[in-house]
């Protein structure tokens, strides 16, 4: 019994001090995680200003989106790029940032309110998202995104 208690204490201690176990909002974020979080917020800010050209500066040439309309599209030809999807509100809550060499995966939730002629304009929509960033020639660019509406949310 003592061995189990000691083992449990050791495992709990290791998990408690593992950097990945620290809060995503804590001050212990790496400079890269801070940079990616800033890029994520920049994308939201540009989207709200309908600055697609600005957003595209953070997109890889082959950026693909699995969008909430159940379509996989090249971002360069998707509804945001065509001006068919605009928002009056877009709040992103990043829950996890995973860094793997030249690739960063960002996961969390979003609360959006489409506007104008967009589908569901004026409705509050809750979604889950995953964004994938890759370092291409020294620049962090979005290469893939998945966003799904939370049913009943």
Protein backbone atom coordinates (compact mmCIF):
# COMPACT_ATOMS: atom_id res chain seq x y z
CA UNK A 1 0.00 0.00 0.00
CA UNK A 2 2.85 2.41 0.78
CA UNK A 3 4.35 1.73 -2.63
CA UNK A 4 1.09 2.66 -4.37
CA UNK A 5 0.79 5.89 -2.38
CA UNK A 6 4.41 6.79 -3.14
CA UNK A 7 3.93 5.98 -6.83
CA UNK A 8 0.77 8.07 -6.98
CA UNK A 9 2.59 10.97 -5.30
CA UNK A 10 5.48 10.70 -7.76
CA UNK A 11 3.19 10.60 -10.81
CA UNK A 12 1.11 13.50 -9.47
CA UNK A 13 4.26 15.52 -8.80
CA UNK A 14 5.63 14.89 -12.29
CA UNK A 15 2.34 15.92 -13.92
CA UNK A 16 2.07 19.00 -11.70
CA UNK A 17 5.50 20.23 -12.81
CA UNK A 18 5.36 19.26 -16.47
CA UNK A 19 5.36 22.46 -18.58
CA UNK A 20 2.55 21.15 -20.78
CA UNK A 21 0.37 20.78 -17.69
CA UNK A 22 0.60 24.48 -16.88
CA UNK A 23 -2.39 26.70 -17.56
CA UNK A 24 -2.62 27.93 -21.14
CA UNK A 25 -3.31 31.41 -19.76
CA UNK A 26 -0.40 31.46 -17.32
CA UNK A 27 2.71 33.61 -17.43
CA UNK A 28 4.85 30.58 -18.33
CA UNK A 29 3.98 30.69 -22.03
CA UNK A 30 6.97 30.34 -24.32
CA UNK A 31 7.77 33.24 -26.64
CA UNK A 32 6.59 31.07 -29.56
CA UNK A 33 3.25 30.34 -27.88
CA UNK A 34 2.81 34.07 -27.20
CA UNK A 35 3.58 34.79 -30.86
CA UNK A 36 1.06 32.22 -32.11
CA UNK A 37 -1.62 33.51 -29.71
CA UNK A 38 -0.97 37.03 -31.04
CA UNK A 39 -1.27 35.78 -34.64
CA UNK A 40 -4.57 34.07 -33.76
CA UNK A 41 -5.91 37.33 -32.32
CA UNK A 42 -4.66 39.24 -35.35
CA UNK A 43 -6.66 36.90 -37.59
CA UNK A 44 -9.80 37.60 -35.54
CA UNK A 45 -9.21 41.37 -35.60
CA UNK A 46 -8.65 41.37 -39.37
CA UNK A 47 -11.74 39.22 -39.91
CA UNK A 48 -13.90 41.64 -37.92
CA UNK A 49 -12.57 44.50 -40.07
CA UNK A 50 -13.24 42.41 -43.19
CA UNK A 51 -9.56 42.78 -44.13
CA UNK A 52 -9.18 39.58 -46.13
CA UNK A 53 -5.93 40.77 -47.75
CA UNK A 54 -4.46 41.26 -44.28
CA UNK A 55 -5.63 37.81 -43.21
CA UNK A 56 -4.10 36.22 -46.31
CA UNK A 57 -0.66 37.44 -45.27
CA UNK A 58 -0.89 34.79 -42.52
CA UNK A 59 -2.09 32.01 -44.84
CA UNK A 60 0.05 29.41 -46.53
CA UNK A 61 -0.57 29.27 -50.29
CA UNK A 62 -2.25 25.89 -49.79
CA UNK A 63 -4.26 26.77 -46.64
CA UNK A 64 -7.29 24.44 -46.39
CA UNK A 65 -10.36 24.87 -44.17
CA UNK A 66 -12.84 22.22 -43.02
CA UNK A 67 -15.53 24.81 -42.38
CA UNK A 68 -18.67 24.79 -40.19
CA UNK A 69 -20.78 24.32 -43.35
CA UNK A 70 -19.38 20.76 -43.70
CA UNK A 71 -17.15 21.68 -46.63
CA UNK A 72 -13.43 21.31 -47.14
CA UNK A 73 -12.30 24.35 -49.14
CA UNK A 74 -9.14 26.11 -50.18
CA UNK A 75 -9.19 29.25 -48.05
CA UNK A 76 -8.30 31.33 -51.09
CA UNK A 77 -11.65 30.33 -52.65
CA UNK A 78 -13.76 29.95 -49.49
CA UNK A 79 -16.72 32.05 -48.29
CA UNK A 80 -14.58 34.51 -46.31
CA UNK A 81 -12.36 35.19 -49.33
CA UNK A 82 -15.45 35.63 -51.54
CA UNK A 83 -17.01 38.09 -49.05
CA UNK A 84 -19.94 35.75 -48.34
CA UNK A 85 -19.19 35.39 -44.63
CA UNK A 86 -18.79 38.36 -42.31
CA UNK A 87 -19.08 38.73 -38.54
CA UNK A 88 -20.25 41.41 -36.13
CA UNK A 89 -18.67 39.54 -33.22
CA UNK A 90 -15.99 36.85 -33.02
CA UNK A 91 -14.50 35.72 -29.70
CA UNK A 92 -11.90 32.96 -29.68
CA UNK A 93 -10.94 31.12 -26.48
CA UNK A 94 -7.66 29.28 -26.96
CA UNK A 95 -7.55 26.30 -24.65
CA UNK A 96 -4.40 24.58 -25.86
CA UNK A 97 -1.32 25.40 -27.90
CA UNK A 98 0.82 22.41 -28.88
CA UNK A 99 4.28 23.13 -30.30
CA UNK A 100 6.01 20.44 -32.37
CA UNK A 101 9.15 21.73 -34.08
CA UNK A 102 7.94 23.70 -37.12
CA UNK A 103 4.26 22.98 -36.53
CA UNK A 104 1.88 24.46 -33.93
CA UNK A 105 -1.64 23.21 -33.25
CA UNK A 106 -4.12 25.58 -31.57
CA UNK A 107 -7.41 24.27 -30.13
CA UNK A 108 -10.35 25.85 -28.36
CA UNK A 109 -13.78 27.35 -28.74
CA UNK A 110 -15.29 30.31 -30.58
CA UNK A 111 -18.46 32.32 -30.14
CA UNK A 112 -19.43 34.14 -33.31
CA UNK A 113 -22.26 36.30 -34.61
CA UNK A 114 -22.46 36.34 -38.43
CA UNK A 115 -23.59 39.60 -40.04
CA UNK A 116 -24.87 41.04 -43.29
CA UNK A 117 -25.91 38.45 -45.88
CA UNK A 118 -24.08 35.61 -44.07
CA UNK A 119 -25.97 32.46 -43.19
CA UNK A 120 -27.43 32.74 -39.66
CA UNK A 121 -26.80 36.51 -39.56
CA UNK A 122 -27.55 37.91 -36.11
CA UNK A 123 -27.50 34.52 -34.37
CA UNK A 124 -24.93 33.62 -31.72
CA UNK A 125 -23.10 30.43 -32.72
CA UNK A 126 -20.77 28.36 -30.54
CA UNK A 127 -18.04 26.34 -32.23
CA UNK A 128 -14.98 24.22 -31.55
CA UNK A 129 -11.90 24.89 -33.64
CA UNK A 130 -8.44 23.62 -34.47
CA UNK A 131 -5.90 25.76 -36.33
CA UNK A 132 -2.58 24.41 -37.62
CA UNK A 133 0.34 26.79 -38.12
CA UNK A 134 3.57 25.87 -39.89
CA UNK A 135 6.85 27.73 -40.10
CA UNK A 136 7.54 28.39 -43.77
CA UNK A 137 10.77 30.22 -44.54
CA UNK A 138 10.85 31.85 -41.09
CA UNK A 139 7.18 32.92 -41.07
CA UNK A 140 4.34 31.25 -39.17
CA UNK A 141 1.46 30.62 -41.57
CA UNK A 142 -1.89 28.89 -41.26
CA UNK A 143 -1.96 25.66 -43.25
CA UNK A 144 -5.17 24.02 -41.97
CA UNK A 145 -8.30 24.83 -39.94
CA UNK A 146 -11.30 22.88 -38.72
CA UNK A 147 -14.34 24.57 -37.19
CA UNK A 148 -17.49 22.75 -36.10
CA UNK A 149 -20.73 24.14 -34.70
CA UNK A 150 -21.60 22.80 -31.28
CA UNK A 151 -25.06 21.31 -31.60
CA UNK A 152 -27.52 22.90 -29.21
CA UNK A 153 -24.92 25.55 -28.35
